[in-house]
Protein backbone atom coordinates (compact mmCIF):
# COMPACT_ATOMS: atom_id res chain seq x y z
CA UNK A 1 -3.26 0.29 -24.32
CA UNK A 2 -3.13 -0.64 -20.73
CA UNK A 3 0.75 -1.74 -20.87
CA UNK A 4 2.09 1.62 -22.32
CA UNK A 5 -0.03 3.57 -19.83
CA UNK A 6 1.18 1.50 -16.78
CA UNK A 7 4.84 1.90 -18.01
CA UNK A 8 4.43 5.41 -18.32
CA UNK A 9 2.45 5.94 -15.01
CA UNK A 10 5.46 3.96 -13.38
CA UNK A 11 8.00 6.08 -15.12
CA UNK A 12 6.30 9.44 -13.93
CA UNK A 13 5.87 8.20 -10.33
CA UNK A 14 9.58 6.78 -10.28
CA UNK A 15 11.04 10.21 -11.36
CA UNK A 16 8.41 12.68 -9.62
CA UNK A 17 6.76 10.81 -7.00
CA UNK A 18 3.83 13.05 -6.20
CA UNK A 19 5.62 16.66 -5.82
CA UNK A 20 5.01 18.56 -2.64
CA UNK A 21 4.22 21.62 -4.93
CA UNK A 22 1.32 19.76 -6.32
CA UNK A 23 0.37 18.17 -2.88
CA UNK A 24 0.39 21.86 -1.36
CA UNK A 25 -1.74 23.38 -4.19
CA UNK A 26 -4.26 20.43 -5.10
CA UNK A 27 -3.65 17.80 -2.37
CA UNK A 28 -4.12 14.00 -3.52
CA UNK A 29 -6.99 12.17 -4.92
CA UNK A 30 -7.16 10.03 -2.10
CA UNK A 31 -8.13 13.09 -0.01
CA UNK A 32 -11.36 13.46 -1.61
CA UNK A 33 -12.19 9.90 -0.97
CA UNK A 34 -11.27 10.28 2.74
CA UNK A 35 -13.48 13.11 2.99
CA UNK A 36 -16.54 11.16 1.48
CA UNK A 37 -15.99 8.38 3.62
CA UNK A 38 -15.52 10.55 6.69
CA UNK A 39 -18.93 12.36 5.83
CA UNK A 40 -20.83 9.05 5.49
CA UNK A 41 -19.27 7.72 8.60
CA UNK A 42 -20.49 10.50 10.75
CA UNK A 43 -23.87 10.15 9.39
CA UNK A 44 -24.40 6.62 9.50
CA UNK A 45 -22.35 5.06 11.80
CA UNK A 46 -24.25 5.77 14.94
CA UNK A 47 -23.38 3.72 17.95
CA UNK A 48 -27.23 3.19 18.91
CA UNK A 49 -27.85 1.57 15.44
CA UNK A 50 -28.03 -2.14 15.36
CA UNK A 51 -25.10 -3.99 14.06
CA UNK A 52 -26.71 -5.30 11.12
CA UNK A 53 -27.92 -1.77 10.26
CA UNK A 54 -24.37 -0.17 10.52
CA UNK A 55 -22.84 -2.98 8.31
CA UNK A 56 -25.36 -2.45 5.70
CA UNK A 57 -24.85 1.32 5.73
CA UNK A 58 -20.86 0.77 5.59
CA UNK A 59 -21.42 -1.52 2.64
CA UNK A 60 -23.50 1.30 1.11
CA UNK A 61 -20.80 3.81 1.90
CA UNK A 62 -18.21 1.70 0.00
CA UNK A 63 -20.56 0.96 -2.76
CA UNK A 64 -21.25 4.69 -3.26
CA UNK A 65 -17.43 5.51 -3.11
CA UNK A 66 -16.57 2.73 -5.74
CA UNK A 67 -19.38 3.94 -8.01
CA UNK A 68 -18.48 7.48 -7.93
CA UNK A 69 -14.60 7.06 -8.30
CA UNK A 70 -14.93 4.24 -10.64
CA UNK A 71 -17.57 5.99 -12.68
CA UNK A 72 -15.57 9.27 -13.03
CA UNK A 73 -12.44 7.39 -13.95
CA UNK A 74 -14.34 5.31 -16.71
CA UNK A 75 -15.89 8.53 -18.05
CA UNK A 76 -12.65 10.39 -18.08
CA UNK A 77 -10.85 7.39 -19.77
CA UNK A 78 -13.34 7.14 -22.45
CA UNK A 79 -13.43 10.75 -23.23
CA UNK A 80 -9.85 11.10 -23.44
CA UNK A 81 -9.29 8.02 -25.76
CA UNK A 82 -12.46 9.13 -28.07
CA UNK A 83 -11.15 12.78 -28.35
CA UNK A 84 -7.21 12.69 -28.30
CA UNK A 85 -7.16 9.40 -30.53
CA UNK A 86 -3.61 7.83 -30.56
CA UNK A 87 -2.33 9.97 -28.10
CA UNK A 88 -5.28 9.64 -25.64
CA UNK A 89 -3.13 6.87 -23.63
CA UNK A 90 -0.64 9.62 -22.61
CA UNK A 91 -3.48 11.66 -20.78
CA UNK A 92 -4.72 8.46 -19.19
CA UNK A 93 -1.20 7.69 -17.97
CA UNK A 94 -1.13 11.05 -16.49
CA UNK A 95 -4.33 10.45 -14.50
CA UNK A 96 -3.09 6.92 -13.36
CA UNK A 97 0.37 8.27 -12.17
CA UNK A 98 -0.88 9.57 -8.67
CA UNK A 99 -2.31 6.15 -7.89
CA UNK A 100 1.23 4.74 -7.42
CA UNK A 101 3.57 5.34 -4.70
CA UNK A 102 7.16 3.78 -5.74
CA UNK A 103 9.08 7.30 -5.08
CA UNK A 104 7.07 8.42 -2.08
CA UNK A 105 7.49 4.80 -0.40
CA UNK A 106 11.20 4.97 -1.13
CA UNK A 107 11.74 8.53 0.12
CA UNK A 108 9.71 7.87 3.35
CA UNK A 109 11.46 4.68 4.33
CA UNK A 110 14.85 6.37 3.35
CA UNK A 111 14.23 9.21 5.71
CA UNK A 112 14.01 6.73 8.72
CA UNK A 113 17.44 5.09 7.52
CA UNK A 114 19.06 8.80 7.14
CA UNK A 115 17.89 9.72 10.74
CA UNK A 116 19.36 6.51 12.21
CA UNK A 117 22.54 6.89 10.31
CA UNK A 118 22.94 10.38 11.75
CA UNK A 119 22.48 8.91 15.10
CA UNK A 120 18.95 10.68 15.83
CA UNK A 121 16.69 7.96 17.13
CA UNK A 122 13.93 10.68 18.19
CA UNK A 123 13.92 11.62 14.50
CA UNK A 124 13.81 8.12 13.14
CA UNK A 125 10.85 7.66 15.54
CA UNK A 126 9.01 10.47 14.04
CA UNK A 127 10.14 9.59 10.54
CA UNK A 128 8.62 5.90 10.95
CA UNK A 129 5.43 7.35 12.62
CA UNK A 130 4.54 8.94 9.25
CA UNK A 131 4.25 5.45 7.55
CA UNK A 132 2.65 3.47 10.18
CA UNK A 133 -0.42 3.43 12.72
CA UNK A 134 1.39 1.81 15.56
CA UNK A 135 2.90 3.45 18.60
CA UNK A 136 6.49 4.47 17.91
CA UNK A 137 7.68 6.92 20.69
CA UNK A 138 9.17 3.92 22.78
CA UNK A 139 10.62 2.04 20.02
CA UNK A 140 14.55 1.10 20.18
CA UNK A 141 16.45 1.16 17.14
CA UNK A 142 15.71 -2.44 16.15
CA UNK A 143 12.28 -1.73 16.62
CA UNK A 144 12.32 1.26 14.44
CA UNK A 145 14.20 -0.64 11.73
CA UNK A 146 11.73 -3.57 11.92
CA UNK A 147 8.85 -1.22 11.68
CA UNK A 148 10.44 0.58 8.45
CA UNK A 149 11.08 -2.50 6.67
CA UNK A 150 7.74 -4.11 7.51
CA UNK A 151 5.98 -0.94 6.20
CA UNK A 152 8.28 -1.01 3.14
CA UNK A 153 7.17 -4.68 2.19
CA UNK A 154 3.54 -4.43 3.05
CA UNK A 155 3.19 -1.05 1.05
CA UNK A 156 5.18 -2.40 -1.72
CA UNK A 157 1.72 -4.44 -2.45
CA UNK A 158 -0.66 -1.57 -1.42
CA UNK A 159 1.12 1.20 -2.96
CA UNK A 160 2.72 -0.30 -6.04
CA UNK A 161 1.96 -3.97 -7.03
CA UNK A 162 -1.70 -3.85 -6.58
CA UNK A 163 -2.31 -0.41 -8.23
CA UNK A 164 -0.06 -1.61 -11.25
CA UNK A 165 -2.13 -5.07 -11.32
CA UNK A 166 -5.61 -3.30 -11.47
CA UNK A 167 -4.36 -0.76 -13.77
CA UNK A 168 -3.09 -3.54 -16.21
CA UNK A 169 -6.44 -5.46 -15.76
CA UNK A 170 -9.16 -2.90 -15.79
CA UNK A 171 -7.27 0.33 -16.93
CA UNK A 172 -7.96 3.62 -15.20
CA UNK A 173 -11.25 2.67 -13.51
CA UNK A 174 -9.45 -0.36 -12.12
CA UNK A 175 -6.76 1.50 -10.62
CA UNK A 176 -8.83 4.22 -8.87
CA UNK A 177 -11.50 1.65 -7.67
CA UNK A 178 -8.71 -0.07 -5.99
CA UNK A 179 -7.28 3.09 -4.28
CA UNK A 180 -10.95 3.93 -3.19
CA UNK A 181 -11.05 0.43 -1.54
CA UNK A 182 -7.85 0.61 -0.05
CA UNK A 183 -8.31 4.09 1.42
CA UNK A 184 -11.65 2.96 2.98
CA UNK A 185 -9.94 0.05 4.49
CA UNK A 186 -7.20 2.21 5.88
CA UNK A 187 -9.76 4.58 7.54
CA UNK A 188 -12.56 2.28 8.68
CA UNK A 189 -11.58 -1.36 8.07
CA UNK A 190 -10.63 -1.87 11.66
CA UNK A 191 -11.82 -4.33 14.37
CA UNK A 192 -12.36 -1.86 17.16
CA UNK A 193 -15.84 -1.63 18.35
CA UNK A 194 -16.48 1.64 16.45
CA UNK A 195 -15.51 0.05 13.06
CA UNK A 196 -16.21 -3.53 13.17
CA UNK A 197 -19.66 -3.37 11.69
CA UNK A 198 -19.43 -0.12 9.60
CA UNK A 199 -15.86 -1.08 8.17
CA UNK A 200 -16.80 -4.64 7.45
CA UNK A 201 -17.35 -4.26 3.81
CA UNK A 202 -14.21 -2.13 3.26
CA UNK A 203 -11.85 -4.69 5.11
CA UNK A 204 -13.33 -7.82 3.16
CA UNK A 205 -13.14 -5.92 -0.12
CA UNK A 206 -9.52 -4.92 0.44
CA UNK A 207 -8.61 -8.34 1.29
CA UNK A 208 -10.01 -9.64 -1.90
CA UNK A 209 -8.37 -6.95 -4.21
CA UNK A 210 -5.15 -7.47 -2.59
CA UNK A 211 -5.18 -11.49 -2.70
CA UNK A 212 -3.27 -11.85 -6.08
CA UNK A 213 -1.22 -8.76 -5.53
CA UNK A 214 0.01 -9.68 -2.31
CA UNK A 215 1.21 -13.06 -3.50
CA UNK A 216 2.73 -11.51 -6.57
CA UNK A 217 4.43 -8.98 -4.28
CA UNK A 218 6.07 -11.71 -2.14
CA UNK A 219 7.34 -13.49 -5.26
CA UNK A 220 8.95 -10.17 -6.65
CA UNK A 221 10.68 -9.52 -3.59
CA UNK A 222 12.29 -13.10 -3.26
CA UNK A 223 13.34 -12.70 -6.88
CA UNK A 224 14.79 -9.46 -6.05
CA UNK A 225 16.43 -10.64 -2.74
CA UNK A 226 17.73 -13.90 -4.05
CA UNK A 227 16.05 -15.82 -1.46
CA UNK A 228 13.03 -15.81 0.98
CA UNK A 229 10.97 -18.50 -0.74
CA UNK A 230 10.95 -20.84 2.26
CA UNK A 231 10.20 -18.17 4.85
CA UNK A 232 7.35 -16.95 2.78
CA UNK A 233 5.78 -20.09 2.39
CA UNK A 234 6.17 -21.06 5.99
CA UNK A 235 5.36 -17.60 7.69
CA UNK A 236 2.92 -15.72 5.33
CA UNK A 237 -0.05 -17.02 7.25
CA UNK A 238 1.36 -15.93 10.73
CA UNK A 239 0.36 -12.48 9.82
CA UNK A 240 -3.19 -11.21 11.10
CA UNK A 241 -3.95 -10.10 7.58
CA UNK A 242 -4.51 -12.84 4.90
CA UNK A 243 -2.43 -10.87 2.47
CA UNK A 244 0.15 -8.56 4.35
CA UNK A 245 2.10 -11.58 5.49
CA UNK A 246 3.13 -12.53 1.99
CA UNK A 247 5.49 -9.61 1.28
CA UNK A 248 6.54 -9.32 4.92
CA UNK A 249 7.58 -12.86 5.00
CA UNK A 250 9.40 -12.35 1.84
CA UNK A 251 11.34 -9.53 2.97
CA UNK A 252 12.06 -11.36 6.22
CA UNK A 253 13.46 -14.16 4.38
CA UNK A 254 15.60 -12.10 1.79
CA UNK A 255 17.11 -9.96 4.56
CA UNK A 256 17.70 -12.73 7.20
CA UNK A 257 15.95 -10.71 9.90
CA UNK A 258 12.89 -11.34 12.10
CA UNK A 259 9.85 -9.03 11.74
CA UNK A 260 6.63 -8.46 13.13
CA UNK A 261 6.49 -9.56 16.82
CA UNK A 262 4.72 -7.74 19.62
CA UNK A 263 3.60 -4.26 18.89
CA UNK A 264 1.62 -1.54 20.54
CA UNK A 265 -1.38 0.40 19.39
CA UNK A 266 -2.72 3.04 21.33
CA UNK A 267 -0.81 2.27 24.47
CA UNK A 268 -1.69 -1.34 24.33
CA UNK A 269 0.52 -4.20 23.64
CA UNK A 270 -0.54 -6.87 21.24
CA UNK A 271 1.18 -10.29 21.08
CA UNK A 272 1.96 -11.12 17.51
CA UNK A 273 3.67 -13.94 16.08
CA UNK A 274 7.19 -13.27 14.76
CA UNK A 275 7.89 -13.74 10.90
CA UNK A 276 11.18 -14.96 9.84
CA UNK A 277 13.88 -16.91 11.82
CA UNK A 278 16.86 -14.59 11.41
CA UNK A 279 18.23 -11.85 13.41
CA UNK A 280 16.06 -10.04 16.06
CA UNK A 281 18.36 -7.14 16.23
CA UNK A 282 18.30 -4.79 13.18
CA UNK A 283 20.04 -1.80 12.33
CA UNK A 284 20.03 1.24 9.84
CA UNK A 285 22.21 -0.89 7.07
CA UNK A 286 19.23 -3.24 7.00
CA UNK A 287 16.66 -0.71 5.89
CA UNK A 288 19.11 0.34 2.98
CA UNK A 289 19.37 -3.47 2.02
CA UNK A 290 15.52 -3.75 2.26
CA UNK A 291 15.32 -0.67 -0.16
CA UNK A 292 17.70 -2.22 -2.60
CA UNK A 293 15.53 -5.43 -2.58
CA UNK A 294 12.37 -3.13 -2.94
CA UNK A 295 14.08 -1.28 -6.14
CA UNK A 296 14.85 -4.64 -7.78
CA UNK A 297 11.40 -5.67 -7.23
CA UNK A 298 10.11 -2.65 -8.82
CA UNK A 299 12.32 -2.93 -11.68
CA UNK A 300 10.87 -6.64 -12.25
CA UNK A 301 7.43 -4.88 -12.52
CA UNK A 302 8.69 -2.62 -15.20
CA UNK A 303 9.93 -5.71 -17.05
CA UNK A 304 6.64 -7.26 -16.65
CA UNK A 305 4.79 -4.18 -18.20
CA UNK A 306 7.55 -3.99 -20.91
CA UNK A 307 7.13 -7.71 -21.75
CA UNK A 308 3.40 -7.45 -22.11
CA UNK A 309 3.77 -4.25 -24.28
CA UNK A 310 6.34 -5.99 -26.43
CA UNK A 311 4.22 -9.25 -26.61
CA UNK A 312 1.18 -7.22 -27.94
């Protein structure tokens, strides 16, 4: 049952994305997760509390989130399959569809390329700021291009491969529990003093949930790009994240460009290792090349789901 659900969810996402009309009318499920996390953080992440207390309450927040989201998804999946019989999987696929971000990721990164192709660097900076958390106002063209490509590679794991993996493995509860963990990590799983204790469980859980998908993402990008294996094996561990370096290094090797390097957050420059040994200077055509590699890697995911479905 999981294989046709995954194929249908991938198809819906590829064709429709998450339509703006739906977003304006009902938002997106992760917005509900964010509100629950924010509410717990306001009540429980008090700076005067002990580190251990804040970490315990952050862990409780994550467990509460996973319990609510995973439990609701499990109940809905069981209800649909029980009452809709052989057609229940279609309804399950509709509920899994918003957890994937193939189309959204392509459109957001494509907007950066389009702005640069039109010679509008300020618009490209604004477009790339919508998909990353770092400072973008002072980026030159190469910096904007590298940032867009890095986000594409990392989000291929977070937004496509990992949800697909957990959907195949654990069905609807798996994919939405993963999205809950990933949302918590993006909101509170940071190293700054405010978040270090409270977001500890979210960050560690996200590392664990992405361990296999990140490596699978790197393999798919290398296969789609026709190269990058050596760069991935050599440079994946240069990234601060135990997972993000795998798809980023794979993409750097596939394109023959250098990614990562020094970046600024909140006006503070952070020294980061370079990933890849290709060109440091990048331009809009490199984003288009990265998008072609990305589309090829997504197609390989479709083949995996189709292969599992055929085998069963």
